[in-house]
């Protein structure tokens, strides 16, 4: 089962979940995503609502 899950990902792609920025690298294309590792959440009566991710947050 784990092999099926891991098979969805390519060996030609890397994700760096850094402390300041999240980077996604694709072989042959270089870095395709460089966004701040930030998420904005609104808590409304115990229910979390995602407001923004990355630069938008």
PDB file of N, CA and C in Angstrom:
ATOM      1  N   UNK A   1       0.828  -1.198   0.000  1.00  0.00           N
ATOM      2  CA  UNK A   1       0.000   0.000   0.000  1.00  0.00           C
ATOM      3  C   UNK A   1       0.871   1.259   0.000  1.00  0.00           C
ATOM      4  N   UNK A   2       1.916   1.261   0.805  1.00  0.00           N
ATOM      5  CA  UNK A   2       2.808   2.421   0.846  1.00  0.00           C
ATOM      6  C   UNK A   2       3.497   2.622  -0.495  1.00  0.00           C
ATOM      7  N   UNK A   3       3.846   1.522  -1.181  1.00  0.00           N
ATOM      8  CA  UNK A   3       4.478   1.629  -2.498  1.00  0.00           C
ATOM      9  C   UNK A   3       3.550   2.321  -3.496  1.00  0.00           C
ATOM     10  N   UNK A   4       2.259   2.035  -3.433  1.00  0.00           N
ATOM     11  CA  UNK A   4       1.298   2.701  -4.322  1.00  0.00           C
ATOM     12  C   UNK A   4       1.249   4.196  -4.046  1.00  0.00           C
ATOM     13  N   UNK A   5       1.275   4.560  -2.784  1.00  0.00           N
ATOM     14  CA  UNK A   5       1.252   5.974  -2.406  1.00  0.00           C
ATOM     15  C   UNK A   5       2.515   6.672  -2.875  1.00  0.00           C
ATOM     16  N   UNK A   6       3.675   6.081  -2.603  1.00  0.00           N
ATOM     17  CA  UNK A   6       4.941   6.699  -2.987  1.00  0.00           C
ATOM     18  C   UNK A   6       5.118   6.740  -4.495  1.00  0.00           C
ATOM     19  N   UNK A   7       4.468   5.834  -5.216  1.00  0.00           N
ATOM     20  CA  UNK A   7       4.559   5.813  -6.665  1.00  0.00           C
ATOM     21  C   UNK A   7       3.931   7.028  -7.332  1.00  0.00           C
ATOM     22  N   UNK A   8       3.085   7.761  -6.604  1.00  0.00           N
ATOM     23  CA  UNK A   8       2.473   8.972  -7.150  1.00  0.00           C
ATOM     24  C   UNK A   8       3.490  10.099  -7.279  1.00  0.00           C
ATOM     25  N   UNK A   9       4.598  10.000  -6.562  1.00  0.00           N
ATOM     26  CA  UNK A   9       5.608  11.046  -6.568  1.00  0.00           C
ATOM     27  C   UNK A   9       6.745  10.659  -7.494  1.00  0.00           C
ATOM     28  N   UNK A  10       7.318  11.626  -8.127  1.00  0.00           N
ATOM     29  CA  UNK A  10       8.404  11.391  -9.072  1.00  0.00           C
ATOM     30  C   UNK A  10       9.746  11.582  -8.385  1.00  0.00           C
ATOM     31  N   UNK A  11      10.739  10.812  -8.815  1.00  0.00           N
ATOM     32  CA  UNK A  11      12.096  10.988  -8.301  1.00  0.00           C
ATOM     33  C   UNK A  11      12.724  12.248  -8.882  1.00  0.00           C
ATOM     34  N   UNK A  12      12.038  12.892  -9.817  1.00  0.00           N
ATOM     35  CA  UNK A  12      12.544  14.097 -10.460  1.00  0.00           C
ATOM     36  C   UNK A  12      12.022  15.365  -9.801  1.00  0.00           C
ATOM     37  N   UNK A  13      11.488  15.233  -8.591  1.00  0.00           N
ATOM     38  CA  UNK A  13      10.911  16.373  -7.893  1.00  0.00           C
ATOM     39  C   UNK A  13      11.361  16.351  -6.438  1.00  0.00           C
ATOM     40  N   UNK A  14      11.635  17.532  -5.880  1.00  0.00           N
ATOM     41  CA  UNK A  14      12.034  17.626  -4.474  1.00  0.00           C
ATOM     42  C   UNK A  14      11.262  18.758  -3.815  1.00  0.00           C
ATOM     43  N   UNK A  15      10.885  18.546  -2.551  1.00  0.00           N
ATOM     44  CA  UNK A  15      10.192  19.566  -1.775  1.00  0.00           C
ATOM     45  C   UNK A  15      11.012  19.847  -0.532  1.00  0.00           C
ATOM     46  N   UNK A  16      11.327  21.127  -0.312  1.00  0.00           N
ATOM     47  CA  UNK A  16      12.082  21.559   0.862  1.00  0.00           C
ATOM     48  C   UNK A  16      11.148  22.387   1.727  1.00  0.00           C
ATOM     49  N   UNK A  17      10.725  21.812   2.842  1.00  0.00           N
ATOM     50  CA  UNK A  17       9.844  22.522   3.772  1.00  0.00           C
ATOM     51  C   UNK A  17      10.713  23.277   4.767  1.00  0.00           C
ATOM     52  N   UNK A  18      11.320  24.341   4.310  1.00  0.00           N
ATOM     53  CA  UNK A  18      12.240  25.128   5.131  1.00  0.00           C
ATOM     54  C   UNK A  18      11.511  25.916   6.196  1.00  0.00           C
ATOM     55  N   UNK A  19      12.281  26.535   7.076  1.00  0.00           N
ATOM     56  CA  UNK A  19      11.673  27.297   8.161  1.00  0.00           C
ATOM     57  C   UNK A  19      11.122  28.628   7.676  1.00  0.00           C
ATOM     58  N   UNK A  20      11.750  29.239   6.676  1.00  0.00           N
ATOM     59  CA  UNK A  20      11.280  30.529   6.172  1.00  0.00           C
ATOM     60  C   UNK A  20      10.504  30.377   4.869  1.00  0.00           C
ATOM     61  N   UNK A  21      11.021  29.571   3.946  1.00  0.00           N
ATOM     62  CA  UNK A  21      10.389  29.389   2.638  1.00  0.00           C
ATOM     63  C   UNK A  21      10.230  27.915   2.314  1.00  0.00           C
ATOM     64  N   UNK A  22       9.175  27.601   1.572  1.00  0.00           N
ATOM     65  CA  UNK A  22       8.970  26.264   1.032  1.00  0.00           C
ATOM     66  C   UNK A  22       9.375  26.307  -0.434  1.00  0.00           C
ATOM     67  N   UNK A  23      10.263  25.385  -0.835  1.00  0.00           N
ATOM     68  CA  UNK A  23      10.756  25.328  -2.206  1.00  0.00           C
ATOM     69  C   UNK A  23      10.308  24.028  -2.857  1.00  0.00           C
ATOM     70  N   UNK A  24       9.923  24.093  -4.127  1.00  0.00           N
ATOM     71  CA  UNK A  24       9.636  22.904  -4.923  1.00  0.00           C
ATOM     72  C   UNK A  24      10.551  22.964  -6.138  1.00  0.00           C
ATOM     73  N   UNK A  25      11.343  21.902  -6.313  1.00  0.00           N
ATOM     74  CA  UNK A  25      12.294  21.794  -7.419  1.00  0.00           C
ATOM     75  C   UNK A  25      11.845  20.673  -8.343  1.00  0.00           C
ATOM     76  N   UNK A  26      11.843  20.933  -9.645  1.00  0.00           N
ATOM     77  CA  UNK A  26      11.508  19.926 -10.647  1.00  0.00           C
ATOM     78  C   UNK A  26      12.705  19.791 -11.578  1.00  0.00           C
ATOM     79  N   UNK A  27      13.166  18.557 -11.760  1.00  0.00           N
ATOM     80  CA  UNK A  27      14.317  18.296 -12.624  1.00  0.00           C
ATOM     81  C   UNK A  27      14.049  18.831 -14.028  1.00  0.00           C
ATOM     82  N   UNK A  28      15.005  19.570 -14.552  1.00  0.00           N
ATOM     83  CA  UNK A  28      14.872  20.141 -15.885  1.00  0.00           C
ATOM     84  C   UNK A  28      14.207  21.503 -15.911  1.00  0.00           C
ATOM     85  N   UNK A  29      13.546  21.878 -14.806  1.00  0.00           N
ATOM     86  CA  UNK A  29      12.867  23.181 -14.730  1.00  0.00           C
ATOM     87  C   UNK A  29      13.420  24.053 -13.618  1.00  0.00           C
ATOM     88  N   UNK A  30      14.098  23.443 -12.661  1.00  0.00           N
ATOM     89  CA  UNK A  30      14.635  24.202 -11.534  1.00  0.00           C
ATOM     90  C   UNK A  30      13.583  24.408 -10.461  1.00  0.00           C
ATOM     91  N   UNK A  31      13.728  25.491  -9.698  1.00  0.00           N
ATOM     92  CA  UNK A  31      12.777  25.805  -8.629  1.00  0.00           C
ATOM     93  C   UNK A  31      11.521  26.395  -9.260  1.00  0.00           C
ATOM     94  N   UNK A  32      10.393  25.723  -9.051  1.00  0.00           N
ATOM     95  CA  UNK A  32       9.126  26.166  -9.637  1.00  0.00           C
ATOM     96  C   UNK A  32       8.223  26.843  -8.611  1.00  0.00           C
ATOM     97  N   UNK A  33       8.578  26.722  -7.336  1.00  0.00           N
ATOM     98  CA  UNK A  33       7.808  27.380  -6.281  1.00  0.00           C
ATOM     99  C   UNK A  33       8.752  27.802  -5.176  1.00  0.00           C
ATOM    100  N   UNK A  34       8.652  29.055  -4.761  1.00  0.00           N
ATOM    101  CA  UNK A  34       9.431  29.589  -3.652  1.00  0.00           C
ATOM    102  C   UNK A  34       8.507  30.530  -2.896  1.00  0.00           C
ATOM    103  N   UNK A  35       7.835  29.998  -1.887  1.00  0.00           N
ATOM    104  CA  UNK A  35       6.825  30.749  -1.143  1.00  0.00           C
ATOM    105  C   UNK A  35       7.169  30.765   0.340  1.00  0.00           C
ATOM    106  N   UNK A  36       6.834  31.838   1.038  1.00  0.00           N
ATOM    107  CA  UNK A  36       7.008  31.835   2.488  1.00  0.00           C
ATOM    108  C   UNK A  36       6.208  30.693   3.119  1.00  0.00           C
ATOM    109  N   UNK A  37       6.790  30.065   4.132  1.00  0.00           N
ATOM    110  CA  UNK A  37       6.129  28.955   4.836  1.00  0.00           C
ATOM    111  C   UNK A  37       5.183  29.528   5.888  1.00  0.00           C
ATOM    112  N   UNK A  38       4.108  30.177   5.414  1.00  0.00           N
ATOM    113  CA  UNK A  38       3.164  30.858   6.297  1.00  0.00           C
ATOM    114  C   UNK A  38       1.741  30.456   5.924  1.00  0.00           C
ATOM    115  N   UNK A  39       0.926  30.243   6.939  1.00  0.00           N
ATOM    116  CA  UNK A  39      -0.489  29.945   6.735  1.00  0.00           C
ATOM    117  C   UNK A  39      -1.282  30.853   7.668  1.00  0.00           C
ATOM    118  N   UNK A  40      -2.308  31.520   7.143  1.00  0.00           N
ATOM    119  CA  UNK A  40      -3.180  32.357   7.964  1.00  0.00           C
ATOM    120  C   UNK A  40      -4.492  31.611   8.189  1.00  0.00           C
ATOM    121  N   UNK A  41      -4.846  31.458   9.468  1.00  0.00           N
ATOM    122  CA  UNK A  41      -6.053  30.717   9.842  1.00  0.00           C
ATOM    123  C   UNK A  41      -6.919  31.598  10.737  1.00  0.00           C
ATOM    124  N   UNK A  42      -8.218  31.578  10.508  1.00  0.00           N
ATOM    125  CA  UNK A  42      -9.182  32.277  11.346  1.00  0.00           C
ATOM    126  C   UNK A  42      -9.920  31.239  12.172  1.00  0.00           C
ATOM    127  N   UNK A  43      -9.941  31.432  13.491  1.00  0.00           N
ATOM    128  CA  UNK A  43     -10.638  30.507  14.372  1.00  0.00           C
ATOM    129  C   UNK A  43     -11.970  31.130  14.756  1.00  0.00           C
ATOM    130  N   UNK A  44     -13.038  30.519  14.289  1.00  0.00           N
ATOM    131  CA  UNK A  44     -14.383  31.015  14.542  1.00  0.00           C
ATOM    132  C   UNK A  44     -15.129  29.998  15.387  1.00  0.00           C
ATOM    133  N   UNK A  45     -15.234  30.257  16.676  1.00  0.00           N
ATOM    134  CA  UNK A  45     -15.950  29.382  17.608  1.00  0.00           C
ATOM    135  C   UNK A  45     -15.422  27.953  17.572  1.00  0.00           C
ATOM    136  N   UNK A  46     -14.092  27.798  17.562  1.00  0.00           N
ATOM    137  CA  UNK A  46     -13.481  26.482  17.585  1.00  0.00           C
ATOM    138  C   UNK A  46     -13.350  25.815  16.232  1.00  0.00           C
ATOM    139  N   UNK A  47     -13.786  26.470  15.186  1.00  0.00           N
ATOM    140  CA  UNK A  47     -13.696  25.921  13.825  1.00  0.00           C
ATOM    141  C   UNK A  47     -12.678  26.739  13.040  1.00  0.00           C
ATOM    142  N   UNK A  48     -11.609  26.085  12.566  1.00  0.00           N
ATOM    143  CA  UNK A  48     -10.563  26.775  11.823  1.00  0.00           C
ATOM    144  C   UNK A  48     -10.943  26.942  10.361  1.00  0.00           C
ATOM    145  N   UNK A  49     -10.670  28.139   9.846  1.00  0.00           N
ATOM    146  CA  UNK A  49     -10.921  28.436   8.438  1.00  0.00           C
ATOM    147  C   UNK A  49      -9.621  28.949   7.830  1.00  0.00           C
ATOM    148  N   UNK A  50      -9.165  28.311   6.755  1.00  0.00           N
ATOM    149  CA  UNK A  50      -7.950  28.721   6.068  1.00  0.00           C
ATOM    150  C   UNK A  50      -8.219  30.014   5.319  1.00  0.00           C
ATOM    151  N   UNK A  51      -7.397  31.038   5.603  1.00  0.00           N
ATOM    152  CA  UNK A  51      -7.578  32.328   4.944  1.00  0.00           C
ATOM    153  C   UNK A  51      -6.604  32.541   3.797  1.00  0.00           C
ATOM    154  N   UNK A  52      -5.330  32.181   4.007  1.00  0.00           N
ATOM    155  CA  UNK A  52      -4.321  32.425   2.976  1.00  0.00           C
ATOM    156  C   UNK A  52      -3.097  31.565   3.234  1.00  0.00           C
ATOM    157  N   UNK A  53      -2.302  31.373   2.160  1.00  0.00           N
ATOM    158  CA  UNK A  53      -1.079  30.581   2.236  1.00  0.00           C
ATOM    159  C   UNK A  53       0.030  31.333   1.508  1.00  0.00           C
ATOM    160  N   UNK A  54       1.261  31.231   2.001  1.00  0.00           N
ATOM    161  CA  UNK A  54       2.419  31.808   1.319  1.00  0.00           C
ATOM    162  C   UNK A  54       2.411  33.322   1.309  1.00  0.00           C
ATOM    163  N   UNK A  55       2.722  33.912   0.143  1.00  0.00           N
ATOM    164  CA  UNK A  55       2.786  35.373   0.017  1.00  0.00           C
ATOM    165  C   UNK A  55       1.478  36.045   0.410  1.00  0.00           C
ATOM    166  N   UNK A  56       0.354  35.414   0.121  1.00  0.00           N
ATOM    167  CA  UNK A  56      -0.948  36.009   0.438  1.00  0.00           C
ATOM    168  C   UNK A  56      -1.196  36.100   1.939  1.00  0.00           C
ATOM    169  N   UNK A  57      -0.555  35.225   2.710  1.00  0.00           N
ATOM    170  CA  UNK A  57      -0.740  35.232   4.161  1.00  0.00           C
ATOM    171  C   UNK A  57       0.084  36.341   4.778  1.00  0.00           C
TER     172      UNK A  57
END
